C-alpha cells in the first residue's frame, strides 16, 4: 500500500514524529532527576530541575498534539488572508 503524500507533508510528519521522540527524551531526563532527589542535600534545588524537565516535556507534547487541528485553522486563515491581500492590491476589481 502506498501513500500519496507530497514532500512537504512527509517532512512535516517527520518533524512531528521527531518532537514526539524529543518528548520521550525529556521524560527520560526527568526520570533520572527523580532518582537524584533521594540523594540530594538540597531537595528543593533538585525539585526545580525535575520541574524544568517536566514542563519541557509537557509543552513539547502539547505543541505536538495541537499541530493537526491548528493546521486546518492555518489553511483557512491563509486562504482568507490571500483574498484580502488580493483585494487590497486591486481595489477597483471585484473578483
PDB file of N, CA and C in Angstrom:
ATOM      1  N   UNK A   1       0.845  -1.170   0.000  1.00  0.00           N
ATOM      2  CA  UNK A   1       0.000   0.000   0.000  1.00  0.00           C
ATOM      3  C   UNK A   1       0.897   1.242   0.000  1.00  0.00           C
ATOM      4  N   UNK A   2       0.660   2.134  -0.917  1.00  0.00           N
ATOM      5  CA  UNK A   2       1.446   3.356  -0.997  1.00  0.00           C
ATOM      6  C   UNK A   2       0.587   4.545  -0.612  1.00  0.00           C
ATOM      7  N   UNK A   3       1.238   5.565  -0.079  1.00  0.00           N
ATOM      8  CA  UNK A   3       0.542   6.797   0.257  1.00  0.00           C
ATOM      9  C   UNK A   3       1.009   7.892  -0.682  1.00  0.00           C
ATOM     10  N   UNK A   4       0.105   8.769  -1.010  1.00  0.00           N
ATOM     11  CA  UNK A   4       0.412   9.828  -1.966  1.00  0.00           C
ATOM     12  C   UNK A   4       0.602  11.152  -1.230  1.00  0.00           C
ATOM     13  N   UNK A   5       1.606  11.202  -0.337  1.00  0.00           N
ATOM     14  CA  UNK A   5       1.911  12.436   0.372  1.00  0.00           C
ATOM     15  C   UNK A   5       2.916  13.240  -0.439  1.00  0.00           C
ATOM     16  N   UNK A   6       2.772  14.553  -0.375  1.00  0.00           N
ATOM     17  CA  UNK A   6       3.763  15.412  -1.012  1.00  0.00           C
ATOM     18  C   UNK A   6       5.023  15.431  -0.145  1.00  0.00           C
ATOM     19  N   UNK A   7       6.091  15.920  -0.718  1.00  0.00           N
ATOM     20  CA  UNK A   7       7.348  16.003   0.029  1.00  0.00           C
ATOM     21  C   UNK A   7       7.187  16.902   1.250  1.00  0.00           C
ATOM     22  N   UNK A   8       6.461  17.994   1.095  1.00  0.00           N
ATOM     23  CA  UNK A   8       6.237  18.924   2.206  1.00  0.00           C
ATOM     24  C   UNK A   8       5.479  18.229   3.347  1.00  0.00           C
ATOM     25  N   UNK A   9       4.477  17.419   3.029  1.00  0.00           N
ATOM     26  CA  UNK A   9       3.721  16.689   4.038  1.00  0.00           C
ATOM     27  C   UNK A   9       4.599  15.653   4.729  1.00  0.00           C
ATOM     28  N   UNK A  10       5.429  14.973   3.968  1.00  0.00           N
ATOM     29  CA  UNK A  10       6.332  13.977   4.551  1.00  0.00           C
ATOM     30  C   UNK A  10       7.313  14.620   5.526  1.00  0.00           C
ATOM     31  N   UNK A  11       7.841  15.770   5.153  1.00  0.00           N
ATOM     32  CA  UNK A  11       8.774  16.482   6.030  1.00  0.00           C
ATOM     33  C   UNK A  11       8.053  16.946   7.296  1.00  0.00           C
ATOM     34  N   UNK A  12       6.844  17.456   7.133  1.00  0.00           N
ATOM     35  CA  UNK A  12       6.064  17.898   8.286  1.00  0.00           C
ATOM     36  C   UNK A  12       5.764  16.762   9.254  1.00  0.00           C
ATOM     37  N   UNK A  13       5.393  15.608   8.716  1.00  0.00           N
ATOM     38  CA  UNK A  13       5.134  14.446   9.573  1.00  0.00           C
ATOM     39  C   UNK A  13       6.405  13.977  10.269  1.00  0.00           C
ATOM     40  N   UNK A  14       7.517  14.048   9.588  1.00  0.00           N
ATOM     41  CA  UNK A  14       8.790  13.672  10.216  1.00  0.00           C
ATOM     42  C   UNK A  14       9.135  14.601  11.373  1.00  0.00           C
ATOM     43  N   UNK A  15       8.873  15.883  11.203  1.00  0.00           N
ATOM     44  CA  UNK A  15       9.140  16.843  12.277  1.00  0.00           C
ATOM     45  C   UNK A  15       8.240  16.562  13.479  1.00  0.00           C
ATOM     46  N   UNK A  16       6.967  16.278  13.229  1.00  0.00           N
ATOM     47  CA  UNK A  16       6.039  15.971  14.323  1.00  0.00           C
ATOM     48  C   UNK A  16       6.485  14.716  15.062  1.00  0.00           C
ATOM     49  N   UNK A  17       6.876  13.697  14.323  1.00  0.00           N
ATOM     50  CA  UNK A  17       7.361  12.470  14.963  1.00  0.00           C
ATOM     51  C   UNK A  17       8.651  12.741  15.737  1.00  0.00           C
ATOM     52  N   UNK A  18       9.492  13.607  15.206  1.00  0.00           N
ATOM     53  CA  UNK A  18      10.718  13.975  15.910  1.00  0.00           C
ATOM     54  C   UNK A  18      10.434  14.683  17.224  1.00  0.00           C
ATOM     55  N   UNK A  19       9.379  15.506  17.252  1.00  0.00           N
ATOM     56  CA  UNK A  19       9.005  16.157  18.506  1.00  0.00           C
ATOM     57  C   UNK A  19       8.527  15.133  19.530  1.00  0.00           C
ATOM     58  N   UNK A  20       7.875  14.083  19.071  1.00  0.00           N
ATOM     59  CA  UNK A  20       7.472  13.007  19.976  1.00  0.00           C
ATOM     60  C   UNK A  20       8.666  12.290  20.573  1.00  0.00           C
ATOM     61  N   UNK A  21       9.691  12.085  19.767  1.00  0.00           N
ATOM     62  CA  UNK A  21      10.918  11.467  20.264  1.00  0.00           C
ATOM     63  C   UNK A  21      11.592  12.397  21.272  1.00  0.00           C
ATOM     64  N   UNK A  22      11.593  13.687  20.984  1.00  0.00           N
ATOM     65  CA  UNK A  22      12.173  14.651  21.918  1.00  0.00           C
ATOM     66  C   UNK A  22      11.428  14.638  23.246  1.00  0.00           C
ATOM     67  N   UNK A  23      10.108  14.504  23.214  1.00  0.00           N
ATOM     68  CA  UNK A  23       9.331  14.440  24.455  1.00  0.00           C
ATOM     69  C   UNK A  23       9.715  13.219  25.280  1.00  0.00           C
ATOM     70  N   UNK A  24       9.974  12.100  24.630  1.00  0.00           N
ATOM     71  CA  UNK A  24      10.388  10.915  25.383  1.00  0.00           C
ATOM     72  C   UNK A  24      11.788  11.086  25.967  1.00  0.00           C
ATOM     73  N   UNK A  25      12.654  11.807  25.284  1.00  0.00           N
ATOM     74  CA  UNK A  25      13.988  12.098  25.830  1.00  0.00           C
ATOM     75  C   UNK A  25      13.858  13.001  27.054  1.00  0.00           C
ATOM     76  N   UNK A  26      12.973  14.004  26.974  1.00  0.00           N
ATOM     77  CA  UNK A  26      12.751  14.878  28.127  1.00  0.00           C
ATOM     78  C   UNK A  26      12.210  14.083  29.310  1.00  0.00           C
ATOM     79  N   UNK A  27      11.319  13.125  29.052  1.00  0.00           N
ATOM     80  CA  UNK A  27      10.784  12.282  30.126  1.00  0.00           C
ATOM     81  C   UNK A  27      11.892  11.435  30.749  1.00  0.00           C
ATOM     82  N   UNK A  28      12.829  10.979  29.941  1.00  0.00           N
ATOM     83  CA  UNK A  28      13.955  10.204  30.474  1.00  0.00           C
ATOM     84  C   UNK A  28      14.825  11.058  31.389  1.00  0.00           C
ATOM     85  N   UNK A  29      15.106  12.293  30.980  1.00  0.00           N
ATOM     86  CA  UNK A  29      15.878  13.192  31.837  1.00  0.00           C
ATOM     87  C   UNK A  29      15.149  13.444  33.159  1.00  0.00           C
ATOM     88  N   UNK A  30      13.835  13.609  33.063  1.00  0.00           N
ATOM     89  CA  UNK A  30      13.045  13.842  34.268  1.00  0.00           C
ATOM     90  C   UNK A  30      13.125  12.646  35.214  1.00  0.00           C
ATOM     91  N   UNK A  31      13.075  11.440  34.676  1.00  0.00           N
ATOM     92  CA  UNK A  31      13.150  10.230  35.488  1.00  0.00           C
ATOM     93  C   UNK A  31      14.502  10.118  36.186  1.00  0.00           C
ATOM     94  N   UNK A  32      15.560  10.449  35.474  1.00  0.00           N
ATOM     95  CA  UNK A  32      16.893  10.429  36.081  1.00  0.00           C
ATOM     96  C   UNK A  32      16.970  11.456  37.210  1.00  0.00           C
ATOM     97  N   UNK A  33      16.408  12.635  36.984  1.00  0.00           N
ATOM     98  CA  UNK A  33      16.420  13.674  38.014  1.00  0.00           C
ATOM     99  C   UNK A  33      15.636  13.229  39.249  1.00  0.00           C
ATOM    100  N   UNK A  34      14.565  12.473  39.074  1.00  0.00           N
ATOM    101  CA  UNK A  34      13.782  11.988  40.218  1.00  0.00           C
ATOM    102  C   UNK A  34      14.611  11.074  41.105  1.00  0.00           C
ATOM    103  N   UNK A  35      15.485  10.285  40.517  1.00  0.00           N
ATOM    104  CA  UNK A  35      16.333   9.397  41.318  1.00  0.00           C
ATOM    105  C   UNK A  35      17.320  10.197  42.156  1.00  0.00           C
ATOM    106  N   UNK A  36      17.764  11.353  41.672  1.00  0.00           N
ATOM    107  CA  UNK A  36      18.745  12.152  42.388  1.00  0.00           C
ATOM    108  C   UNK A  36      18.148  12.878  43.592  1.00  0.00           C
ATOM    109  N   UNK A  37      16.832  13.001  43.656  1.00  0.00           N
ATOM    110  CA  UNK A  37      16.206  13.723  44.768  1.00  0.00           C
ATOM    111  C   UNK A  37      16.485  13.019  46.092  1.00  0.00           C
ATOM    112  N   UNK A  38      16.461  11.697  46.093  1.00  0.00           N
ATOM    113  CA  UNK A  38      16.677  10.947  47.328  1.00  0.00           C
ATOM    114  C   UNK A  38      18.078  11.172  47.891  1.00  0.00           C
ATOM    115  N   UNK A  39      19.065  11.371  47.044  1.00  0.00           N
ATOM    116  CA  UNK A  39      20.443  11.538  47.492  1.00  0.00           C
ATOM    117  C   UNK A  39      20.866  13.007  47.633  1.00  0.00           C
ATOM    118  N   UNK A  40      19.995  13.908  47.316  1.00  0.00           N
ATOM    119  CA  UNK A  40      20.375  15.325  47.275  1.00  0.00           C
ATOM    120  C   UNK A  40      20.433  15.919  48.679  1.00  0.00           C
ATOM    121  N   UNK A  41      21.391  16.822  48.874  1.00  0.00           N
ATOM    122  CA  UNK A  41      21.470  17.565  50.133  1.00  0.00           C
ATOM    123  C   UNK A  41      20.389  18.634  50.195  1.00  0.00           C
ATOM    124  N   UNK A  42      20.076  19.217  49.041  1.00  0.00           N
ATOM    125  CA  UNK A  42      19.037  20.244  48.964  1.00  0.00           C
ATOM    126  C   UNK A  42      17.938  19.772  48.012  1.00  0.00           C
ATOM    127  N   UNK A  43      16.900  19.094  48.558  1.00  0.00           N
ATOM    128  CA  UNK A  43      15.856  18.569  47.672  1.00  0.00           C
ATOM    129  C   UNK A  43      15.091  19.659  46.918  1.00  0.00           C
ATOM    130  N   UNK A  44      15.059  20.868  47.466  1.00  0.00           N
ATOM    131  CA  UNK A  44      14.353  21.952  46.794  1.00  0.00           C
ATOM    132  C   UNK A  44      14.995  22.258  45.442  1.00  0.00           C
ATOM    133  N   UNK A  45      16.308  22.290  45.391  1.00  0.00           N
ATOM    134  CA  UNK A  45      17.009  22.540  44.133  1.00  0.00           C
ATOM    135  C   UNK A  45      16.756  21.398  43.153  1.00  0.00           C
ATOM    136  N   UNK A  46      16.768  20.172  43.649  1.00  0.00           N
ATOM    137  CA  UNK A  46      16.532  19.016  42.777  1.00  0.00           C
ATOM    138  C   UNK A  46      15.106  19.022  42.227  1.00  0.00           C
ATOM    139  N   UNK A  47      14.145  19.457  43.040  1.00  0.00           N
ATOM    140  CA  UNK A  47      12.771  19.538  42.550  1.00  0.00           C
ATOM    141  C   UNK A  47      12.641  20.583  41.444  1.00  0.00           C
ATOM    142  N   UNK A  48      13.441  21.640  41.536  1.00  0.00           N
ATOM    143  CA  UNK A  48      13.435  22.641  40.467  1.00  0.00           C
ATOM    144  C   UNK A  48      13.909  22.051  39.147  1.00  0.00           C
ATOM    145  N   UNK A  49      14.924  21.194  39.206  1.00  0.00           N
ATOM    146  CA  UNK A  49      15.416  20.536  37.992  1.00  0.00           C
ATOM    147  C   UNK A  49      14.359  19.601  37.416  1.00  0.00           C
ATOM    148  N   UNK A  50      13.665  18.869  38.300  1.00  0.00           N
ATOM    149  CA  UNK A  50      12.602  17.964  37.840  1.00  0.00           C
ATOM    150  C   UNK A  50      11.475  18.770  37.194  1.00  0.00           C
ATOM    151  N   UNK A  51      11.124  19.885  37.814  1.00  0.00           N
ATOM    152  CA  UNK A  51      10.055  20.729  37.265  1.00  0.00           C
ATOM    153  C   UNK A  51      10.436  21.256  35.888  1.00  0.00           C
ATOM    154  N   UNK A  52      11.704  21.634  35.723  1.00  0.00           N
ATOM    155  CA  UNK A  52      12.166  22.121  34.425  1.00  0.00           C
ATOM    156  C   UNK A  52      11.958  21.073  33.339  1.00  0.00           C
ATOM    157  N   UNK A  53      12.372  19.839  33.589  1.00  0.00           N
ATOM    158  CA  UNK A  53      12.211  18.780  32.590  1.00  0.00           C
ATOM    159  C   UNK A  53      10.744  18.404  32.419  1.00  0.00           C
ATOM    160  N   UNK A  54       9.981  18.464  33.508  1.00  0.00           N
ATOM    161  CA  UNK A  54       8.552  18.142  33.421  1.00  0.00           C
ATOM    162  C   UNK A  54       7.835  19.128  32.494  1.00  0.00           C
ATOM    163  N   UNK A  55       8.066  20.422  32.697  1.00  0.00           N
ATOM    164  CA  UNK A  55       7.395  21.412  31.856  1.00  0.00           C
ATOM    165  C   UNK A  55       7.898  21.376  30.415  1.00  0.00           C
ATOM    166  N   UNK A  56       9.156  21.060  30.224  1.00  0.00           N
ATOM    167  CA  UNK A  56       9.674  20.925  28.862  1.00  0.00           C
ATOM    168  C   UNK A  56       8.975  19.781  28.144  1.00  0.00           C
ATOM    169  N   UNK A  57       8.834  18.653  28.832  1.00  0.00           N
ATOM    170  CA  UNK A  57       8.122  17.508  28.247  1.00  0.00           C
ATOM    171  C   UNK A  57       6.659  17.853  27.993  1.00  0.00           C
ATOM    172  N   UNK A  58       6.029  18.484  28.969  1.00  0.00           N
ATOM    173  CA  UNK A  58       4.611  18.825  28.858  1.00  0.00           C
ATOM    174  C   UNK A  58       4.338  19.726  27.658  1.00  0.00           C
ATOM    175  N   UNK A  59       5.142  20.779  27.496  1.00  0.00           N
ATOM    176  CA  UNK A  59       4.910  21.706  26.396  1.00  0.00           C
ATOM    177  C   UNK A  59       5.228  21.086  25.039  1.00  0.00           C
ATOM    178  N   UNK A  60       6.226  20.232  24.980  1.00  0.00           N
ATOM    179  CA  UNK A  60       6.522  19.601  23.688  1.00  0.00           C
ATOM    180  C   UNK A  60       5.389  18.667  23.275  1.00  0.00           C
ATOM    181  N   UNK A  61       4.805  17.942  24.226  1.00  0.00           N
ATOM    182  CA  UNK A  61       3.660  17.068  23.911  1.00  0.00           C
ATOM    183  C   UNK A  61       2.446  17.907  23.543  1.00  0.00           C
ATOM    184  N   UNK A  62       2.216  19.006  24.261  1.00  0.00           N
ATOM    185  CA  UNK A  62       1.077  19.871  23.965  1.00  0.00           C
ATOM    186  C   UNK A  62       1.184  20.480  22.571  1.00  0.00           C
ATOM    187  N   UNK A  63       2.355  20.964  22.224  1.00  0.00           N
ATOM    188  CA  UNK A  63       2.556  21.544  20.892  1.00  0.00           C
ATOM    189  C   UNK A  63       2.407  20.482  19.815  1.00  0.00           C
ATOM    190  N   UNK A  64       2.983  19.316  20.069  1.00  0.00           N
ATOM    191  CA  UNK A  64       2.913  18.229  19.096  1.00  0.00           C
ATOM    192  C   UNK A  64       1.466  17.781  18.879  1.00  0.00           C
ATOM    193  N   UNK A  65       0.693  17.731  19.940  1.00  0.00           N
ATOM    194  CA  UNK A  65      -0.702  17.308  19.822  1.00  0.00           C
ATOM    195  C   UNK A  65      -1.601  18.367  19.219  1.00  0.00           C
ATOM    196  N   UNK A  66      -1.172  19.623  19.266  1.00  0.00           N
ATOM    197  CA  UNK A  66      -2.003  20.710  18.753  1.00  0.00           C
ATOM    198  C   UNK A  66      -1.774  20.979  17.273  1.00  0.00           C
ATOM    199  N   UNK A  67      -0.739  20.441  16.703  1.00  0.00           N
ATOM    200  CA  UNK A  67      -0.417  20.735  15.301  1.00  0.00           C
ATOM    201  C   UNK A  67      -1.511  20.271  14.330  1.00  0.00           C
ATOM    202  N   UNK A  68      -2.040  19.040  14.435  1.00  0.00           N
ATOM    203  CA  UNK A  68      -3.056  18.636  13.450  1.00  0.00           C
ATOM    204  C   UNK A  68      -4.309  19.513  13.412  1.00  0.00           C
ATOM    205  N   UNK A  69      -4.939  19.866  14.558  1.00  0.00           N
ATOM    206  CA  UNK A  69      -6.108  20.737  14.436  1.00  0.00           C
ATOM    207  C   UNK A  69      -5.760  22.162  14.025  1.00  0.00           C
ATOM    208  N   UNK A  70      -4.611  22.655  14.422  1.00  0.00           N
ATOM    209  CA  UNK A  70      -4.232  24.015  14.059  1.00  0.00           C
ATOM    210  C   UNK A  70      -3.899  24.107  12.572  1.00  0.00           C
ATOM    211  N   UNK A  71      -3.458  23.010  11.971  1.00  0.00           N
ATOM    212  CA  UNK A  71      -3.143  23.002  10.541  1.00  0.00           C
ATOM    213  C   UNK A  71      -4.355  23.435   9.716  1.00  0.00           C
ATOM    214  N   UNK A  72      -5.518  22.943  10.074  1.00  0.00           N
ATOM    215  CA  UNK A  72      -6.745  23.322   9.351  1.00  0.00           C
ATOM    216  C   UNK A  72      -7.033  24.805   9.538  1.00  0.00           C
ATOM    217  N   UNK A  73      -6.857  25.305  10.761  1.00  0.00           N
ATOM    218  CA  UNK A  73      -7.083  26.719  11.035  1.00  0.00           C
ATOM    219  C   UNK A  73      -6.148  27.593  10.214  1.00  0.00           C
ATOM    220  N   UNK A  74      -4.875  27.220  10.130  1.00  0.00           N
ATOM    221  CA  UNK A  74      -3.924  27.989   9.333  1.00  0.00           C
ATOM    222  C   UNK A  74      -4.285  27.969   7.856  1.00  0.00           C
ATOM    223  N   UNK A  75      -4.745  26.838   7.371  1.00  0.00           N
ATOM    224  CA  UNK A  75      -5.110  26.751   5.958  1.00  0.00           C
ATOM    225  C   UNK A  75      -6.254  27.725   5.637  1.00  0.00           C
ATOM    226  N   UNK A  76      -7.259  27.766   6.505  1.00  0.00           N
ATOM    227  CA  UNK A  76      -8.386  28.683   6.304  1.00  0.00           C
ATOM    228  C   UNK A  76      -7.918  30.132   6.433  1.00  0.00           C
ATOM    229  N   UNK A  77      -7.078  30.420   7.413  1.00  0.00           N
ATOM    230  CA  UNK A  77      -6.599  31.788   7.624  1.00  0.00           C
ATOM    231  C   UNK A  77      -5.759  32.266   6.446  1.00  0.00           C
ATOM    232  N   UNK A  78      -4.886  31.411   5.917  1.00  0.00           N
ATOM    233  CA  UNK A  78      -4.066  31.801   4.765  1.00  0.00           C
ATOM    234  C   UNK A  78      -4.930  32.054   3.533  1.00  0.00           C
ATOM    235  N   UNK A  79      -5.962  31.249   3.357  1.00  0.00           N
ATOM    236  CA  UNK A  79      -6.855  31.436   2.214  1.00  0.00           C
ATOM    237  C   UNK A  79      -7.564  32.785   2.310  1.00  0.00           C
ATOM    238  N   UNK A  80      -8.047  33.123   3.523  1.00  0.00           N
ATOM    239  CA  UNK A  80      -8.726  34.405   3.711  1.00  0.00           C
ATOM    240  C   UNK A  80      -7.745  35.563   3.579  1.00  0.00           C
ATOM    241  N   UNK A  81      -6.527  35.386   4.099  1.00  0.00           N
ATOM    242  CA  UNK A  81      -5.534  36.443   4.009  1.00  0.00           C
ATOM    243  C   UNK A  81      -5.155  36.701   2.552  1.00  0.00           C
ATOM    244  N   UNK A  82      -5.054  35.650   1.771  1.00  0.00           N
ATOM    245  CA  UNK A  82      -4.754  35.817   0.350  1.00  0.00           C
ATOM    246  C   UNK A  82      -5.836  36.587  -0.370  1.00  0.00           C
ATOM    247  N   UNK A  83      -7.089  36.335  -0.002  1.00  0.00           N
ATOM    248  CA  UNK A  83      -8.203  37.055  -0.609  1.00  0.00           C
ATOM    249  C   UNK A  83      -8.149  38.530  -0.224  1.00  0.00           C
ATOM    250  N   UNK A  84      -7.867  38.813   1.041  1.00  0.00           N
ATOM    251  CA  UNK A  84      -7.793  40.205   1.497  1.00  0.00           C
ATOM    252  C   UNK A  84      -6.645  40.932   0.819  1.00  0.00           C
ATOM    253  N   UNK A  85      -5.494  40.285   0.719  1.00  0.00           N
ATOM    254  CA  UNK A  85      -4.353  40.928   0.067  1.00  0.00           C
ATOM    255  C   UNK A  85      -4.614  41.168  -1.412  1.00  0.00           C
ATOM    256  N   UNK A  86      -5.300  40.234  -2.050  1.00  0.00           N
ATOM    257  CA  UNK A  86      -5.616  40.403  -3.462  1.00  0.00           C
ATOM    258  C   UNK A  86      -6.573  41.580  -3.651  1.00  0.00           C
ATOM    259  N   UNK A  87      -7.563  41.749  -2.754  1.00  0.00           N
ATOM    260  CA  UNK A  87      -8.493  42.859  -2.868  1.00  0.00           C
ATOM    261  C   UNK A  87      -7.801  44.187  -2.603  1.00  0.00           C
ATOM    262  N   UNK A  88      -6.812  44.202  -1.703  1.00  0.00           N
ATOM    263  CA  UNK A  88      -6.092  45.455  -1.449  1.00  0.00           C
ATOM    264  C   UNK A  88      -5.167  45.798  -2.606  1.00  0.00           C
ATOM    265  N   UNK A  89      -4.651  44.807  -3.295  1.00  0.00           N
ATOM    266  CA  UNK A  89      -3.754  45.070  -4.424  1.00  0.00           C
ATOM    267  C   UNK A  89      -4.507  45.653  -5.615  1.00  0.00           C
ATOM    268  N   UNK A  90      -5.715  45.165  -5.801  1.00  0.00           N
ATOM    269  CA  UNK A  90      -6.544  45.617  -6.932  1.00  0.00           C
ATOM    270  C   UNK A  90      -7.895  46.069  -6.395  1.00  0.00           C
ATOM    271  N   UNK A  91      -7.970  47.265  -5.776  1.00  0.00           N
ATOM    272  CA  UNK A  91      -9.218  47.679  -5.125  1.00  0.00           C
ATOM    273  C   UNK A  91     -10.358  47.943  -6.103  1.00  0.00           C
ATOM    274  N   UNK A  92     -10.063  48.248  -7.360  1.00  0.00           N
ATOM    275  CA  UNK A  92     -11.125  48.566  -8.321  1.00  0.00           C
ATOM    276  C   UNK A  92     -11.716  47.322  -8.961  1.00  0.00           C
ATOM    277  N   UNK A  93     -11.054  46.188  -8.806  1.00  0.00           N
ATOM    278  CA  UNK A  93     -11.547  44.954  -9.409  1.00  0.00           C
ATOM    279  C   UNK A  93     -12.205  44.097  -8.332  1.00  0.00           C
ATOM    280  N   UNK A  94     -13.366  43.629  -8.594  1.00  0.00           N
ATOM    281  CA  UNK A  94     -14.077  42.722  -7.676  1.00  0.00           C
ATOM    282  C   UNK A  94     -14.031  41.335  -8.270  1.00  0.00           C
ATOM    283  N   UNK A  95     -13.522  40.362  -7.458  1.00  0.00           N
ATOM    284  CA  UNK A  95     -13.439  39.012  -8.002  1.00  0.00           C
ATOM    285  C   UNK A  95     -14.537  38.142  -7.484  1.00  0.00           C
TER     286      UNK A  95
END
